[in-house]
Amino acid sequence: MLTDDERKTINHAADVLGPSLRDLATRLRAIAAPRVATVGELLATAPVGAIVEYRADMCWCRSVAGQIHRVAHWIAPHGVWSGYGFLPGPLDLRLPARTVPASEADRDPATRGPIGEG
C-alpha cells in the first residue's frame, strides 16, 4: 500500500507527463488512487471487535470482526442499528467497506460520508 507522499509523487509525475502521455498518466493515477478494502477483507483482517460498515441494497449495514459476522441494518427514522442475526451474503463480501471507531458506532453512518471518501 502506498503512503500519501508516494501518492503525491506519482500524481505529480502524472501531471508533468501531460497529455502527450495521457495513457501512462492515467495508469499512474490509478496506481496512486487510495484503495478501498472490501467487507470480506476487513472481516478477515481487522482486529476482533472492529466494526465493519458498508452499503448494501440501499441501506447501511455493519458487522463485527471476529464474531459470527452477523449483520445489523441502520434504521434511519429511528436512528438505531437493528436486525442482528443475518450473515453477510457472498456478494456483500465484495462490497467496499470501512472500519468505524467504537466511539462513533452509534452515530448515523451517513454522517461519515461515502465509503472511500473522507
Protein backbone atom coordinates (compact mmCIF):
# COMPACT_ATOMS: atom_id res chain seq x y z
CA MET A 1 0.00 0.00 0.00
CA LEU A 2 1.33 3.44 -0.93
CA THR A 3 1.91 6.24 1.53
CA ASP A 4 0.36 9.67 0.98
CA ASP A 5 3.77 11.04 -0.02
CA GLU A 6 4.23 8.29 -2.60
CA ARG A 7 0.75 9.01 -4.00
CA LYS A 8 1.58 12.73 -4.25
CA THR A 9 4.82 11.95 -6.07
CA ILE A 10 3.07 9.68 -8.56
CA ASN A 11 0.27 12.21 -9.12
CA HIS A 12 2.86 14.94 -9.67
CA ALA A 13 4.66 12.73 -12.20
CA ALA A 14 1.35 12.18 -13.99
CA ASP A 15 0.79 15.96 -14.14
CA VAL A 16 4.29 16.53 -15.56
CA LEU A 17 3.81 13.89 -18.25
CA GLY A 18 0.85 15.83 -19.59
CA PRO A 19 -1.49 14.97 -22.45
CA SER A 20 1.17 13.55 -24.76
CA LEU A 21 1.48 10.56 -22.43
CA ARG A 22 -2.15 10.51 -21.31
CA ASP A 23 -2.40 6.68 -21.12
CA LEU A 24 0.64 6.43 -18.89
CA ALA A 25 -0.61 9.33 -16.77
CA THR A 26 -3.99 7.59 -16.37
CA ARG A 27 -2.29 4.38 -15.27
CA LEU A 28 -0.12 6.24 -12.77
CA ARG A 29 -3.19 7.93 -11.29
CA ALA A 30 -4.93 4.56 -10.96
CA ILE A 31 -1.94 3.19 -9.07
CA ALA A 32 -1.84 6.26 -6.83
CA ALA A 33 -5.57 6.19 -6.02
CA PRO A 34 -6.34 5.20 -2.44
CA ARG A 35 -7.53 1.63 -2.27
CA VAL A 36 -10.80 0.81 -0.54
CA ALA A 37 -10.98 -2.50 1.32
CA THR A 38 -13.89 -4.91 0.90
CA VAL A 39 -16.23 -6.28 3.57
CA GLY A 40 -14.61 -9.72 3.30
CA GLU A 41 -11.06 -8.35 3.59
CA LEU A 42 -11.87 -6.28 6.64
CA LEU A 43 -13.79 -9.06 8.39
CA ALA A 44 -10.83 -11.38 7.77
CA THR A 45 -8.07 -8.97 8.80
CA ALA A 46 -9.48 -6.37 11.20
CA PRO A 47 -8.87 -6.84 14.92
CA VAL A 48 -11.51 -8.79 16.82
CA GLY A 49 -14.32 -6.45 17.77
CA ALA A 50 -13.67 -3.97 14.95
CA ILE A 51 -16.86 -2.63 13.40
CA VAL A 52 -17.02 -3.05 9.62
CA GLU A 53 -19.54 -0.78 7.88
CA TYR A 54 -20.79 -0.94 4.28
CA ARG A 55 -23.75 -0.17 1.99
CA ALA A 56 -25.81 -2.98 0.51
CA ASP A 57 -29.19 -2.84 -1.20
CA MET A 58 -29.59 0.88 -0.50
CA CYS A 59 -29.11 0.51 3.25
CA TRP A 60 -26.21 0.82 5.67
CA CYS A 61 -25.01 -2.44 7.17
CA ARG A 62 -22.37 -3.39 9.70
CA SER A 63 -20.78 -6.48 11.11
CA VAL A 64 -18.25 -7.07 13.87
CA ALA A 65 -14.93 -8.75 13.05
CA GLY A 66 -14.16 -11.92 14.97
CA GLN A 67 -17.79 -12.67 15.69
CA ILE A 68 -20.18 -14.74 13.64
CA HIS A 69 -20.27 -11.82 11.20
CA ARG A 70 -23.90 -11.03 11.88
CA VAL A 71 -25.25 -8.00 10.10
CA ALA A 72 -27.13 -5.05 11.54
CA HIS A 73 -29.01 -2.55 9.40
CA TRP A 74 -29.31 1.18 10.11
CA ILE A 75 -32.94 2.19 10.65
CA ALA A 76 -32.74 5.88 9.69
CA PRO A 77 -36.09 7.12 11.00
CA HIS A 78 -35.33 5.68 14.44
CA GLY A 79 -31.57 6.31 14.46
CA VAL A 80 -30.69 2.81 15.64
CA TRP A 81 -28.95 -0.33 14.40
CA SER A 82 -31.29 -3.31 14.17
CA GLY A 83 -31.55 -6.78 12.69
CA TYR A 84 -28.67 -8.79 14.11
CA GLY A 85 -28.85 -12.40 13.06
CA PHE A 86 -28.29 -12.27 9.33
CA LEU A 87 -24.98 -13.25 7.77
CA PRO A 88 -23.44 -11.12 5.02
CA GLY A 89 -24.24 -12.62 1.63
CA PRO A 90 -21.48 -13.71 -0.75
CA LEU A 91 -21.96 -10.57 -2.86
CA ASP A 92 -21.82 -8.36 0.24
CA LEU A 93 -18.31 -9.63 0.98
CA ARG A 94 -17.06 -7.93 -2.20
CA LEU A 95 -18.54 -4.51 -1.40
CA PRO A 96 -16.35 -1.58 -0.35
CA ALA A 97 -16.23 -1.15 3.42
CA ARG A 98 -14.62 0.80 6.24
CA THR A 99 -13.88 0.21 9.88
CA VAL A 100 -15.57 2.51 12.37
CA PRO A 101 -14.20 3.52 15.76
CA ALA A 102 -16.28 2.26 18.67
CA SER A 103 -16.77 5.86 19.80
CA GLU A 104 -18.69 6.54 16.56
CA ALA A 105 -20.50 3.22 16.30
CA ASP A 106 -23.93 4.52 17.29
CA ARG A 107 -23.86 7.58 15.02
CA ASP A 108 -25.75 7.75 11.74
CA PRO A 109 -23.37 6.15 9.19
CA ALA A 110 -24.28 8.79 6.60
CA THR A 111 -22.54 11.40 8.78
CA ARG A 112 -19.23 9.71 7.98
CA GLY A 113 -19.73 10.31 4.25
CA PRO A 114 -19.46 7.82 1.40
CA ILE A 115 -17.15 4.85 1.81
CA GLY A 116 -13.77 5.58 0.30
CA GLU A 117 -14.05 9.31 0.92
CA GLY A 118 -13.28 11.47 3.89
